[in-house]
C-alpha cells in the first residue's frame, strides 16, 4: 500500500480541535472591504466549525489528524 497523503490545501485551512471537530476561517475578508459594514467585518474575524455534512470529507483529506 502506498502512503496516505495529507491534502496540503486542506491542511492550511482546517485545524482539529481537542473535541475532534474541525475549525475553519471565514471567507469574504480579503478585499473589497470598504462596502462591508464594520459589524460584518468584525464577525468574519472569528473562526467557526465545519458543517457536520462536510466533516467526513475533511477527515478524509486530513488522515493523520
C-alpha atoms as a PDB file:
ATOM      1  CA  UNK A   1       0.000   0.000   0.000  1.00  0.00           C
ATOM      2  CA  UNK A   2       1.270   3.486  -0.772  1.00  0.00           C
ATOM      3  CA  UNK A   3       1.435   6.117   1.914  1.00  0.00           C
ATOM      4  CA  UNK A   4      -1.714   8.061   2.703  1.00  0.00           C
ATOM      5  CA  UNK A   5      -1.045  11.684   1.862  1.00  0.00           C
ATOM      6  CA  UNK A   6      -2.486  14.754   3.501  1.00  0.00           C
ATOM      7  CA  UNK A   7      -4.223  17.215   1.204  1.00  0.00           C
ATOM      8  CA  UNK A   8      -1.946  20.218   1.708  1.00  0.00           C
ATOM      9  CA  UNK A   9      -4.605  22.765   0.749  1.00  0.00           C
ATOM     10  CA  UNK A  10      -6.933  21.368   3.399  1.00  0.00           C
ATOM     11  CA  UNK A  11      -4.131  21.255   5.977  1.00  0.00           C
ATOM     12  CA  UNK A  12      -3.676  25.001   5.595  1.00  0.00           C
ATOM     13  CA  UNK A  13      -7.406  25.698   6.006  1.00  0.00           C
ATOM     14  CA  UNK A  14      -8.589  23.385   8.772  1.00  0.00           C
ATOM     15  CA  UNK A  15      -7.337  22.618  12.265  1.00  0.00           C
ATOM     16  CA  UNK A  16      -8.649  19.916  14.549  1.00  0.00           C
ATOM     17  CA  UNK A  17      -9.905  20.927  17.985  1.00  0.00           C
ATOM     18  CA  UNK A  18      -9.461  18.942  21.169  1.00  0.00           C
ATOM     19  CA  UNK A  19     -13.030  17.665  20.921  1.00  0.00           C
ATOM     20  CA  UNK A  20     -12.372  16.300  17.417  1.00  0.00           C
ATOM     21  CA  UNK A  21     -14.261  18.980  15.480  1.00  0.00           C
ATOM     22  CA  UNK A  22     -12.644  20.921  12.655  1.00  0.00           C
ATOM     23  CA  UNK A  23     -12.174  24.675  12.882  1.00  0.00           C
ATOM     24  CA  UNK A  24     -12.141  26.879   9.798  1.00  0.00           C
ATOM     25  CA  UNK A  25     -11.692  30.549   8.986  1.00  0.00           C
ATOM     26  CA  UNK A  26     -14.385  32.729   7.470  1.00  0.00           C
ATOM     27  CA  UNK A  27     -14.358  33.829   3.832  1.00  0.00           C
ATOM     28  CA  UNK A  28     -15.086  37.310   2.374  1.00  0.00           C
ATOM     29  CA  UNK A  29     -12.362  39.064   4.367  1.00  0.00           C
ATOM     30  CA  UNK A  30      -9.681  39.518   1.677  1.00  0.00           C
ATOM     31  CA  UNK A  31     -10.629  42.533  -0.433  1.00  0.00           C
ATOM     32  CA  UNK A  32     -13.447  44.981  -1.264  1.00  0.00           C
ATOM     33  CA  UNK A  33     -13.768  45.746   2.435  1.00  0.00           C
ATOM     34  CA  UNK A  34     -14.934  49.361   2.092  1.00  0.00           C
ATOM     35  CA  UNK A  35     -18.515  48.441   1.236  1.00  0.00           C
ATOM     36  CA  UNK A  36     -18.800  45.896   4.034  1.00  0.00           C
ATOM     37  CA  UNK A  37     -20.055  47.132   7.381  1.00  0.00           C
ATOM     38  CA  UNK A  38     -17.821  47.218  10.450  1.00  0.00           C
ATOM     39  CA  UNK A  39     -20.102  44.721  12.175  1.00  0.00           C
ATOM     40  CA  UNK A  40     -19.847  42.284   9.270  1.00  0.00           C
ATOM     41  CA  UNK A  41     -16.047  42.537   9.123  1.00  0.00           C
ATOM     42  CA  UNK A  42     -15.756  42.094  12.894  1.00  0.00           C
ATOM     43  CA  UNK A  43     -17.943  38.976  12.855  1.00  0.00           C
ATOM     44  CA  UNK A  44     -15.904  37.494   9.995  1.00  0.00           C
ATOM     45  CA  UNK A  45     -12.790  37.567  12.200  1.00  0.00           C
ATOM     46  CA  UNK A  46     -13.921  34.691  14.383  1.00  0.00           C
ATOM     47  CA  UNK A  47     -13.392  31.114  13.295  1.00  0.00           C
ATOM     48  CA  UNK A  48     -16.278  28.674  13.037  1.00  0.00           C
ATOM     49  CA  UNK A  49     -16.707  24.919  12.835  1.00  0.00           C
ATOM     50  CA  UNK A  50     -17.027  22.859   9.674  1.00  0.00           C
ATOM     51  CA  UNK A  51     -20.639  21.879   8.959  1.00  0.00           C
ATOM     52  CA  UNK A  52     -21.464  18.306  10.069  1.00  0.00           C
ATOM     53  CA  UNK A  53     -22.239  17.243   6.498  1.00  0.00           C
ATOM     54  CA  UNK A  54     -18.704  18.235   5.416  1.00  0.00           C
ATOM     55  CA  UNK A  55     -16.772  16.703   8.317  1.00  0.00           C
ATOM     56  CA  UNK A  56     -16.359  13.315   6.601  1.00  0.00           C
ATOM     57  CA  UNK A  57     -14.782  14.939   3.539  1.00  0.00           C
ATOM     58  CA  UNK A  58     -12.383  16.993   5.657  1.00  0.00           C
ATOM     59  CA  UNK A  59     -11.446  13.936   7.716  1.00  0.00           C
ATOM     60  CA  UNK A  60     -10.609  12.045   4.511  1.00  0.00           C
ATOM     61  CA  UNK A  61      -8.382  14.895   3.304  1.00  0.00           C
ATOM     62  CA  UNK A  62      -6.564  15.006   6.679  1.00  0.00           C
ATOM     63  CA  UNK A  63      -5.971  11.328   7.508  1.00  0.00           C
ATOM     64  CA  UNK A  64      -3.243  11.913  10.109  1.00  0.00           C
ATOM     65  CA  UNK A  65      -5.129  14.438  12.255  1.00  0.00           C
END
